[in-house]
PDB file of N, CA and C in Angstrom:
ATOM      1  N   UNK A   1      80.882 -41.774  68.725  1.00  0.00           N
ATOM      2  CA  UNK A   1      80.475 -43.144  68.904  1.00  0.00           C
ATOM      3  C   UNK A   1      80.558 -43.460  70.400  1.00  0.00           C
ATOM      4  N   UNK A   2      79.570 -44.172  70.883  1.00  0.00           N
ATOM      5  CA  UNK A   2      79.537 -44.501  72.300  1.00  0.00           C
ATOM      6  C   UNK A   2      80.616 -45.531  72.632  1.00  0.00           C
ATOM      7  N   UNK A   3      80.969 -45.574  73.888  1.00  0.00           N
ATOM      8  CA  UNK A   3      82.001 -46.527  74.345  1.00  0.00           C
ATOM      9  C   UNK A   3      81.532 -47.967  74.120  1.00  0.00           C
ATOM     10  N   UNK A   4      80.267 -48.233  74.339  1.00  0.00           N
ATOM     11  CA  UNK A   4      79.742 -49.590  74.119  1.00  0.00           C
ATOM     12  C   UNK A   4      79.864 -50.001  72.659  1.00  0.00           C
ATOM     13  N   UNK A   5      79.535 -49.077  71.776  1.00  0.00           N
ATOM     14  CA  UNK A   5      79.622 -49.366  70.348  1.00  0.00           C
ATOM     15  C   UNK A   5      81.077 -49.581  69.934  1.00  0.00           C
ATOM     16  N   UNK A   6      81.986 -48.801  70.502  1.00  0.00           N
ATOM     17  CA  UNK A   6      83.410 -48.983  70.218  1.00  0.00           C
ATOM     18  C   UNK A   6      83.873 -50.373  70.645  1.00  0.00           C
ATOM     19  N   UNK A   7      83.455 -50.805  71.827  1.00  0.00           N
ATOM     20  CA  UNK A   7      83.838 -52.138  72.314  1.00  0.00           C
ATOM     21  C   UNK A   7      83.238 -53.236  71.451  1.00  0.00           C
ATOM     22  N   UNK A   8      81.993 -53.072  71.039  1.00  0.00           N
ATOM     23  CA  UNK A   8      81.352 -54.072  70.181  1.00  0.00           C
ATOM     24  C   UNK A   8      82.075 -54.173  68.843  1.00  0.00           C
ATOM     25  N   UNK A   9      82.462 -53.044  68.284  1.00  0.00           N
ATOM     26  CA  UNK A   9      83.185 -53.047  67.016  1.00  0.00           C
ATOM     27  C   UNK A   9      84.552 -53.702  67.181  1.00  0.00           C
ATOM     28  N   UNK A  10      85.225 -53.405  68.262  1.00  0.00           N
ATOM     29  CA  UNK A  10      86.534 -54.018  68.525  1.00  0.00           C
ATOM     30  C   UNK A  10      86.402 -55.537  68.652  1.00  0.00           C
ATOM     31  N   UNK A  11      85.365 -55.997  69.356  1.00  0.00           N
ATOM     32  CA  UNK A  11      85.139 -57.440  69.489  1.00  0.00           C
ATOM     33  C   UNK A  11      84.833 -58.070  68.140  1.00  0.00           C
ATOM     34  N   UNK A  12      84.023 -57.399  67.325  1.00  0.00           N
ATOM     35  CA  UNK A  12      83.690 -57.927  66.002  1.00  0.00           C
ATOM     36  C   UNK A  12      84.943 -58.048  65.144  1.00  0.00           C
ATOM     37  N   UNK A  13      85.825 -57.062  65.213  1.00  0.00           N
ATOM     38  CA  UNK A  13      87.076 -57.127  64.440  1.00  0.00           C
ATOM     39  C   UNK A  13      87.956 -58.276  64.922  1.00  0.00           C
ATOM     40  N   UNK A  14      88.013 -58.477  66.232  1.00  0.00           N
ATOM     41  CA  UNK A  14      88.798 -59.593  66.772  1.00  0.00           C
ATOM     42  C   UNK A  14      88.236 -60.931  66.305  1.00  0.00           C
ATOM     43  N   UNK A  15      86.925 -61.069  66.337  1.00  0.00           N
ATOM     44  CA  UNK A  15      86.279 -62.309  65.882  1.00  0.00           C
ATOM     45  C   UNK A  15      86.549 -62.522  64.402  1.00  0.00           C
ATOM     46  N   UNK A  16      86.474 -61.450  63.621  1.00  0.00           N
ATOM     47  CA  UNK A  16      86.747 -61.545  62.183  1.00  0.00           C
ATOM     48  C   UNK A  16      88.186 -61.988  61.939  1.00  0.00           C
ATOM     49  N   UNK A  17      89.150 -61.391  62.651  1.00  0.00           N
ATOM     50  CA  UNK A  17      90.559 -61.749  62.484  1.00  0.00           C
ATOM     51  C   UNK A  17      90.817 -63.204  62.857  1.00  0.00           C
ATOM     52  N   UNK A  18      90.048 -63.725  63.796  1.00  0.00           N
ATOM     53  CA  UNK A  18      90.200 -65.122  64.207  1.00  0.00           C
ATOM     54  C   UNK A  18      89.493 -66.077  63.251  1.00  0.00           C
ATOM     55  N   UNK A  19      88.823 -65.533  62.241  1.00  0.00           N
ATOM     56  CA  UNK A  19      88.143 -66.368  61.257  1.00  0.00           C
ATOM     57  C   UNK A  19      86.719 -66.729  61.615  1.00  0.00           C
ATOM     58  N   UNK A  20      86.171 -66.107  62.637  1.00  0.00           N
ATOM     59  CA  UNK A  20      84.835 -66.451  63.089  1.00  0.00           C
ATOM     60  C   UNK A  20      83.719 -65.580  62.546  1.00  0.00           C
ATOM     61  N   UNK A  21      84.055 -64.652  61.639  1.00  0.00           N
ATOM     62  CA  UNK A  21      83.030 -63.766  61.098  1.00  0.00           C
ATOM     63  C   UNK A  21      83.397 -63.401  59.662  1.00  0.00           C
ATOM     64  N   UNK A  22      82.447 -63.565  58.738  1.00  0.00           N
ATOM     65  CA  UNK A  22      82.748 -63.205  57.345  1.00  0.00           C
ATOM     66  C   UNK A  22      82.892 -61.687  57.182  1.00  0.00           C
ATOM     67  N   UNK A  23      83.647 -61.250  56.154  1.00  0.00           N
ATOM     68  CA  UNK A  23      83.862 -59.810  55.936  1.00  0.00           C
ATOM     69  C   UNK A  23      82.566 -59.015  55.782  1.00  0.00           C
ATOM     70  N   UNK A  24      81.553 -59.600  55.164  1.00  0.00           N
ATOM     71  CA  UNK A  24      80.305 -58.864  54.944  1.00  0.00           C
ATOM     72  C   UNK A  24      79.657 -58.497  56.278  1.00  0.00           C
ATOM     73  N   UNK A  25      79.699 -59.404  57.230  1.00  0.00           N
ATOM     74  CA  UNK A  25      79.117 -59.131  58.544  1.00  0.00           C
ATOM     75  C   UNK A  25      79.896 -58.032  59.254  1.00  0.00           C
ATOM     76  N   UNK A  26      81.224 -58.073  59.148  1.00  0.00           N
ATOM     77  CA  UNK A  26      82.041 -57.029  59.760  1.00  0.00           C
ATOM     78  C   UNK A  26      81.717 -55.672  59.141  1.00  0.00           C
ATOM     79  N   UNK A  27      81.557 -55.622  57.819  1.00  0.00           N
ATOM     80  CA  UNK A  27      81.214 -54.351  57.156  1.00  0.00           C
ATOM     81  C   UNK A  27      79.857 -53.834  57.630  1.00  0.00           C
ATOM     82  N   UNK A  28      78.910 -54.734  57.839  1.00  0.00           N
ATOM     83  CA  UNK A  28      77.599 -54.313  58.330  1.00  0.00           C
ATOM     84  C   UNK A  28      77.712 -53.712  59.728  1.00  0.00           C
ATOM     85  N   UNK A  29      78.513 -54.315  60.567  1.00  0.00           N
ATOM     86  CA  UNK A  29      78.706 -53.797  61.925  1.00  0.00           C
ATOM     87  C   UNK A  29      79.414 -52.450  61.874  1.00  0.00           C
ATOM     88  N   UNK A  30      80.441 -52.333  61.016  1.00  0.00           N
ATOM     89  CA  UNK A  30      81.164 -51.068  60.890  1.00  0.00           C
ATOM     90  C   UNK A  30      80.248 -49.952  60.394  1.00  0.00           C
ATOM     91  N   UNK A  31      79.313 -50.299  59.508  1.00  0.00           N
ATOM     92  CA  UNK A  31      78.402 -49.273  58.983  1.00  0.00           C
ATOM     93  C   UNK A  31      77.498 -48.704  60.078  1.00  0.00           C
ATOM     94  N   UNK A  32      77.223 -49.478  61.100  1.00  0.00           N
ATOM     95  CA  UNK A  32      76.419 -48.991  62.224  1.00  0.00           C
ATOM     96  C   UNK A  32      77.162 -47.922  63.026  1.00  0.00           C
ATOM     97  N   UNK A  33      78.480 -47.907  62.910  1.00  0.00           N
ATOM     98  CA  UNK A  33      79.304 -46.984  63.691  1.00  0.00           C
ATOM     99  C   UNK A  33      79.542 -45.658  62.984  1.00  0.00           C
ATOM    100  N   UNK A  34      79.106 -45.538  61.746  1.00  0.00           N
ATOM    101  CA  UNK A  34      79.300 -44.295  61.010  1.00  0.00           C
ATOM    102  C   UNK A  34      78.355 -43.218  61.523  1.00  0.00           C
ATOM    103  N   UNK A  35      78.823 -41.976  61.583  1.00  0.00           N
ATOM    104  CA  UNK A  35      77.914 -40.902  62.006  1.00  0.00           C
ATOM    105  C   UNK A  35      76.833 -40.691  60.953  1.00  0.00           C
ATOM    106  N   UNK A  36      75.666 -40.222  61.351  1.00  0.00           N
ATOM    107  CA  UNK A  36      74.596 -40.002  60.373  1.00  0.00           C
ATOM    108  C   UNK A  36      74.988 -38.914  59.380  1.00  0.00           C
ATOM    109  N   UNK A  37      74.477 -39.032  58.166  1.00  0.00           N
ATOM    110  CA  UNK A  37      74.750 -38.014  57.151  1.00  0.00           C
ATOM    111  C   UNK A  37      74.074 -36.718  57.544  1.00  0.00           C
ATOM    112  N   UNK A  38      74.791 -35.655  57.356  1.00  0.00           N
ATOM    113  CA  UNK A  38      74.285 -34.339  57.723  1.00  0.00           C
ATOM    114  C   UNK A  38      73.791 -33.635  56.476  1.00  0.00           C
ATOM    115  N   UNK A  39      72.667 -32.973  56.588  1.00  0.00           N
ATOM    116  CA  UNK A  39      72.151 -32.169  55.480  1.00  0.00           C
ATOM    117  C   UNK A  39      72.511 -30.713  55.749  1.00  0.00           C
ATOM    118  N   UNK A  40      73.139 -30.071  54.768  1.00  0.00           N
ATOM    119  CA  UNK A  40      73.555 -28.680  54.912  1.00  0.00           C
ATOM    120  C   UNK A  40      72.622 -27.769  54.133  1.00  0.00           C
ATOM    121  N   UNK A  41      72.133 -26.742  54.811  1.00  0.00           N
ATOM    122  CA  UNK A  41      71.278 -25.742  54.186  1.00  0.00           C
ATOM    123  C   UNK A  41      72.122 -24.526  53.819  1.00  0.00           C
ATOM    124  N   UNK A  42      71.524 -23.607  53.077  1.00  0.00           N
ATOM    125  CA  UNK A  42      72.233 -22.419  52.589  1.00  0.00           C
ATOM    126  C   UNK A  42      72.928 -21.666  53.726  1.00  0.00           C
ATOM    127  N   UNK A  43      72.222 -21.438  54.805  1.00  0.00           N
ATOM    128  CA  UNK A  43      72.798 -20.690  55.932  1.00  0.00           C
ATOM    129  C   UNK A  43      73.967 -21.438  56.567  1.00  0.00           C
ATOM    130  N   UNK A  44      73.894 -22.773  56.583  1.00  0.00           N
ATOM    131  CA  UNK A  44      74.983 -23.577  57.143  1.00  0.00           C
ATOM    132  C   UNK A  44      76.264 -23.390  56.339  1.00  0.00           C
ATOM    133  N   UNK A  45      76.138 -23.477  55.021  1.00  0.00           N
ATOM    134  CA  UNK A  45      77.305 -23.350  54.147  1.00  0.00           C
ATOM    135  C   UNK A  45      77.939 -21.975  54.319  1.00  0.00           C
ATOM    136  N   UNK A  46      77.115 -20.958  54.315  1.00  0.00           N
ATOM    137  CA  UNK A  46      77.631 -19.592  54.447  1.00  0.00           C
ATOM    138  C   UNK A  46      78.303 -19.392  55.801  1.00  0.00           C
ATOM    139  N   UNK A  47      77.693 -19.913  56.850  1.00  0.00           N
ATOM    140  CA  UNK A  47      78.260 -19.783  58.197  1.00  0.00           C
ATOM    141  C   UNK A  47      79.622 -20.469  58.282  1.00  0.00           C
ATOM    142  N   UNK A  48      79.727 -21.672  57.723  1.00  0.00           N
ATOM    143  CA  UNK A  48      80.997 -22.406  57.744  1.00  0.00           C
ATOM    144  C   UNK A  48      82.068 -21.636  56.973  1.00  0.00           C
ATOM    145  N   UNK A  49      81.706 -21.137  55.793  1.00  0.00           N
ATOM    146  CA  UNK A  49      82.661 -20.388  54.972  1.00  0.00           C
ATOM    147  C   UNK A  49      83.109 -19.117  55.680  1.00  0.00           C
ATOM    148  N   UNK A  50      82.148 -18.378  56.213  1.00  0.00           N
ATOM    149  CA  UNK A  50      82.486 -17.115  56.869  1.00  0.00           C
ATOM    150  C   UNK A  50      83.281 -17.331  58.157  1.00  0.00           C
ATOM    151  N   UNK A  51      83.002 -18.413  58.869  1.00  0.00           N
ATOM    152  CA  UNK A  51      83.762 -18.674  60.099  1.00  0.00           C
ATOM    153  C   UNK A  51      85.220 -19.001  59.786  1.00  0.00           C
ATOM    154  N   UNK A  52      85.475 -19.483  58.562  1.00  0.00           N
ATOM    155  CA  UNK A  52      86.851 -19.749  58.125  1.00  0.00           C
ATOM    156  C   UNK A  52      87.488 -18.507  57.503  1.00  0.00           C
ATOM    157  N   UNK A  53      86.717 -17.424  57.388  1.00  0.00           N
ATOM    158  CA  UNK A  53      87.187 -16.157  56.806  1.00  0.00           C
ATOM    159  C   UNK A  53      87.675 -16.348  55.369  1.00  0.00           C
ATOM    160  N   UNK A  54      86.870 -17.060  54.576  1.00  0.00           N
ATOM    161  CA  UNK A  54      87.230 -17.333  53.186  1.00  0.00           C
ATOM    162  C   UNK A  54      86.229 -16.700  52.235  1.00  0.00           C
ATOM    163  N   UNK A  55      86.730 -16.269  51.090  1.00  0.00           N
ATOM    164  CA  UNK A  55      85.837 -15.808  50.027  1.00  0.00           C
ATOM    165  C   UNK A  55      85.177 -17.038  49.411  1.00  0.00           C
ATOM    166  N   UNK A  56      84.121 -16.812  48.654  1.00  0.00           N
ATOM    167  CA  UNK A  56      83.469 -17.932  47.980  1.00  0.00           C
ATOM    168  C   UNK A  56      84.436 -18.629  47.029  1.00  0.00           C
ATOM    169  N   UNK A  57      85.271 -17.865  46.329  1.00  0.00           N
ATOM    170  CA  UNK A  57      86.209 -18.447  45.361  1.00  0.00           C
ATOM    171  C   UNK A  57      87.240 -19.342  46.043  1.00  0.00           C
ATOM    172  N   UNK A  58      87.799 -18.888  47.146  1.00  0.00           N
ATOM    173  CA  UNK A  58      88.797 -19.688  47.867  1.00  0.00           C
ATOM    174  C   UNK A  58      88.136 -20.912  48.492  1.00  0.00           C
ATOM    175  N   UNK A  59      86.944 -20.726  49.038  1.00  0.00           N
ATOM    176  CA  UNK A  59      86.196 -21.838  49.629  1.00  0.00           C
ATOM    177  C   UNK A  59      85.907 -22.903  48.574  1.00  0.00           C
ATOM    178  N   UNK A  60      85.502 -22.472  47.385  1.00  0.00           N
ATOM    179  CA  UNK A  60      85.232 -23.405  46.286  1.00  0.00           C
ATOM    180  C   UNK A  60      86.492 -24.179  45.921  1.00  0.00           C
ATOM    181  N   UNK A  61      87.619 -23.486  45.833  1.00  0.00           N
ATOM    182  CA  UNK A  61      88.879 -24.155  45.493  1.00  0.00           C
ATOM    183  C   UNK A  61      89.264 -25.166  46.568  1.00  0.00           C
ATOM    184  N   UNK A  62      89.054 -24.814  47.826  1.00  0.00           N
ATOM    185  CA  UNK A  62      89.370 -25.708  48.934  1.00  0.00           C
ATOM    186  C   UNK A  62      88.544 -26.991  48.866  1.00  0.00           C
ATOM    187  N   UNK A  63      87.274 -26.854  48.480  1.00  0.00           N
ATOM    188  CA  UNK A  63      86.376 -28.010  48.395  1.00  0.00           C
ATOM    189  C   UNK A  63      86.432 -28.701  47.034  1.00  0.00           C
ATOM    190  N   UNK A  64      87.234 -28.125  46.112  1.00  0.00           N
ATOM    191  CA  UNK A  64      87.368 -28.669  44.760  1.00  0.00           C
ATOM    192  C   UNK A  64      86.033 -28.683  44.011  1.00  0.00           C
ATOM    193  N   UNK A  65      85.305 -27.586  44.144  1.00  0.00           N
ATOM    194  CA  UNK A  65      84.056 -27.387  43.400  1.00  0.00           C
ATOM    195  C   UNK A  65      84.143 -26.027  42.718  1.00  0.00           C
ATOM    196  N   UNK A  66      83.231 -25.760  41.830  1.00  0.00           N
ATOM    197  CA  UNK A  66      83.217 -24.474  41.146  1.00  0.00           C
ATOM    198  C   UNK A  66      82.649 -23.364  42.015  1.00  0.00           C
ATOM    199  N   UNK A  67      83.039 -22.148  41.685  1.00  0.00           N
ATOM    200  CA  UNK A  67      82.517 -20.976  42.391  1.00  0.00           C
ATOM    201  C   UNK A  67      80.997 -20.938  42.309  1.00  0.00           C
ATOM    202  N   UNK A  68      80.452 -21.238  41.135  1.00  0.00           N
ATOM    203  CA  UNK A  68      78.991 -21.199  40.978  1.00  0.00           C
ATOM    204  C   UNK A  68      78.307 -22.231  41.875  1.00  0.00           C
ATOM    205  N   UNK A  69      78.982 -23.331  42.148  1.00  0.00           N
ATOM    206  CA  UNK A  69      78.410 -24.345  43.040  1.00  0.00           C
ATOM    207  C   UNK A  69      78.255 -23.778  44.445  1.00  0.00           C
ATOM    208  N   UNK A  70      79.294 -23.142  44.949  1.00  0.00           N
ATOM    209  CA  UNK A  70      79.222 -22.535  46.284  1.00  0.00           C
ATOM    210  C   UNK A  70      78.142 -21.459  46.307  1.00  0.00           C
ATOM    211  N   UNK A  71      78.072 -20.658  45.261  1.00  0.00           N
ATOM    212  CA  UNK A  71      77.048 -19.615  45.194  1.00  0.00           C
ATOM    213  C   UNK A  71      75.649 -20.222  45.224  1.00  0.00           C
ATOM    214  N   UNK A  72      75.444 -21.304  44.489  1.00  0.00           N
ATOM    215  CA  UNK A  72      74.127 -21.954  44.469  1.00  0.00           C
ATOM    216  C   UNK A  72      73.802 -22.582  45.820  1.00  0.00           C
ATOM    217  N   UNK A  73      74.801 -23.139  46.491  1.00  0.00           N
ATOM    218  CA  UNK A  73      74.573 -23.665  47.838  1.00  0.00           C
ATOM    219  C   UNK A  73      74.110 -22.547  48.764  1.00  0.00           C
ATOM    220  N   UNK A  74      74.808 -21.420  48.707  1.00  0.00           N
ATOM    221  CA  UNK A  74      74.502 -20.322  49.627  1.00  0.00           C
ATOM    222  C   UNK A  74      73.188 -19.623  49.296  1.00  0.00           C
ATOM    223  N   UNK A  75      72.707 -19.767  48.075  1.00  0.00           N
ATOM    224  CA  UNK A  75      71.407 -19.200  47.704  1.00  0.00           C
ATOM    225  C   UNK A  75      70.283 -20.215  47.903  1.00  0.00           C
ATOM    226  N   UNK A  76      70.625 -21.433  48.270  1.00  0.00           N
ATOM    227  CA  UNK A  76      69.627 -22.462  48.497  1.00  0.00           C
ATOM    228  C   UNK A  76      69.106 -23.127  47.240  1.00  0.00           C
ATOM    229  N   UNK A  77      69.755 -22.899  46.116  1.00  0.00           N
ATOM    230  CA  UNK A  77      69.316 -23.523  44.861  1.00  0.00           C
ATOM    231  C   UNK A  77      69.756 -24.976  44.767  1.00  0.00           C
ATOM    232  N   UNK A  78      70.864 -25.290  45.395  1.00  0.00           N
ATOM    233  CA  UNK A  78      71.380 -26.661  45.444  1.00  0.00           C
ATOM    234  C   UNK A  78      71.839 -26.939  46.866  1.00  0.00           C
ATOM    235  N   UNK A  79      71.981 -28.223  47.177  1.00  0.00           N
ATOM    236  CA  UNK A  79      72.493 -28.622  48.485  1.00  0.00           C
ATOM    237  C   UNK A  79      73.739 -29.479  48.282  1.00  0.00           C
ATOM    238  N   UNK A  80      74.731 -29.298  49.138  1.00  0.00           N
ATOM    239  CA  UNK A  80      75.928 -30.136  49.041  1.00  0.00           C
ATOM    240  C   UNK A  80      75.574 -31.596  49.308  1.00  0.00           C
ATOM    241  N   UNK A  81      76.243 -32.478  48.584  1.00  0.00           N
ATOM    242  CA  UNK A  81      76.017 -33.905  48.797  1.00  0.00           C
ATOM    243  C   UNK A  81      77.336 -34.643  48.613  1.00  0.00           C
ATOM    244  N   UNK A  82      77.333 -35.906  48.948  1.00  0.00           N
ATOM    245  CA  UNK A  82      78.502 -36.751  48.748  1.00  0.00           C
ATOM    246  C   UNK A  82      79.755 -36.207  49.415  1.00  0.00           C
ATOM    247  N   UNK A  83      80.866 -36.222  48.672  1.00  0.00           N
ATOM    248  CA  UNK A  83      82.147 -35.779  49.239  1.00  0.00           C
ATOM    249  C   UNK A  83      82.120 -34.326  49.719  1.00  0.00           C
ATOM    250  N   UNK A  84      81.381 -33.474  49.033  1.00  0.00           N
ATOM    251  CA  UNK A  84      81.310 -32.068  49.450  1.00  0.00           C
ATOM    252  C   UNK A  84      80.657 -31.940  50.823  1.00  0.00           C
ATOM    253  N   UNK A  85      79.595 -32.680  51.049  1.00  0.00           N
ATOM    254  CA  UNK A  85      78.926 -32.641  52.352  1.00  0.00           C
ATOM    255  C   UNK A  85      79.848 -33.188  53.441  1.00  0.00           C
ATOM    256  N   UNK A  86      80.608 -34.220  53.114  1.00  0.00           N
ATOM    257  CA  UNK A  86      81.545 -34.792  54.082  1.00  0.00           C
ATOM    258  C   UNK A  86      82.624 -33.774  54.448  1.00  0.00           C
ATOM    259  N   UNK A  87      83.154 -33.065  53.436  1.00  0.00           N
ATOM    260  CA  UNK A  87      84.165 -32.043  53.699  1.00  0.00           C
ATOM    261  C   UNK A  87      83.595 -30.898  54.534  1.00  0.00           C
ATOM    262  N   UNK A  88      82.367 -30.503  54.245  1.00  0.00           N
ATOM    263  CA  UNK A  88      81.729 -29.452  55.041  1.00  0.00           C
ATOM    264  C   UNK A  88      81.561 -29.898  56.493  1.00  0.00           C
ATOM    265  N   UNK A  89      81.189 -31.146  56.677  1.00  0.00           N
ATOM    266  CA  UNK A  89      81.041 -31.685  58.024  1.00  0.00           C
ATOM    267  C   UNK A  89      82.380 -31.637  58.763  1.00  0.00           C
ATOM    268  N   UNK A  90      83.447 -32.041  58.087  1.00  0.00           N
ATOM    269  CA  UNK A  90      84.779 -31.985  58.696  1.00  0.00           C
ATOM    270  C   UNK A  90      85.167 -30.553  59.051  1.00  0.00           C
ATOM    271  N   UNK A  91      84.933 -29.636  58.114  1.00  0.00           N
ATOM    272  CA  UNK A  91      85.247 -28.228  58.369  1.00  0.00           C
ATOM    273  C   UNK A  91      84.492 -27.701  59.578  1.00  0.00           C
ATOM    274  N   UNK A  92      83.228 -28.062  59.665  1.00  0.00           N
ATOM    275  CA  UNK A  92      82.404 -27.570  60.768  1.00  0.00           C
ATOM    276  C   UNK A  92      82.872 -28.146  62.108  1.00  0.00           C
ATOM    277  N   UNK A  93      83.198 -29.428  62.116  1.00  0.00           N
ATOM    278  CA  UNK A  93      83.580 -30.074  63.372  1.00  0.00           C
ATOM    279  C   UNK A  93      85.026 -29.816  63.784  1.00  0.00           C
ATOM    280  N   UNK A  94      85.933 -29.774  62.805  1.00  0.00           N
ATOM    281  CA  UNK A  94      87.358 -29.725  63.143  1.00  0.00           C
ATOM    282  C   UNK A  94      88.072 -28.454  62.712  1.00  0.00           C
ATOM    283  N   UNK A  95      87.405 -27.635  61.905  1.00  0.00           N
ATOM    284  CA  UNK A  95      88.016 -26.387  61.470  1.00  0.00           C
ATOM    285  C   UNK A  95      88.925 -26.564  60.266  1.00  0.00           C
ATOM    286  N   UNK A  96      89.500 -25.457  59.832  1.00  0.00           N
ATOM    287  CA  UNK A  96      90.334 -25.423  58.630  1.00  0.00           C
ATOM    288  C   UNK A  96      91.553 -26.335  58.716  1.00  0.00           C
ATOM    289  N   UNK A  97      92.057 -26.562  59.905  1.00  0.00           N
ATOM    290  CA  UNK A  97      93.276 -27.347  60.070  1.00  0.00           C
ATOM    291  C   UNK A  97      93.165 -28.741  59.466  1.00  0.00           C
ATOM    292  N   UNK A  98      91.957 -29.272  59.393  1.00  0.00           N
ATOM    293  CA  UNK A  98      91.791 -30.635  58.887  1.00  0.00           C
ATOM    294  C   UNK A  98      91.961 -30.725  57.374  1.00  0.00           C
ATOM    295  N   UNK A  99      91.884 -29.604  56.662  1.00  0.00           N
ATOM    296  CA  UNK A  99      91.968 -29.645  55.200  1.00  0.00           C
ATOM    297  C   UNK A  99      93.214 -28.990  54.627  1.00  0.00           C
ATOM    298  N   UNK A 100      93.941 -28.254  55.423  1.00  0.00           N
ATOM    299  CA  UNK A 100      95.125 -27.575  54.873  1.00  0.00           C
ATOM    300  C   UNK A 100      96.401 -28.084  55.503  1.00  0.00           C
TER     301      UNK A 100
END
């Protein structure tokens, strides 16, 4: 997030705390600060798993999904979404330390 956006969000929170902004408006501003959703392809999933030196079974357990799900992701039959995509994003950006 850019420094300007951080300052704008901080100001919006201060205004909200002072009673000058309804919660819905604050939530709308906060949503602008979220990183864009990332789409993971088969090669991405495999690269992330292999860079962590994990088998498909251990990787599946770490992400709380089934082994067949990881296999389907890596074959391109399905794509990670929702919480799984978020966890993959964290793993890619911050490494294994963020989940264990």
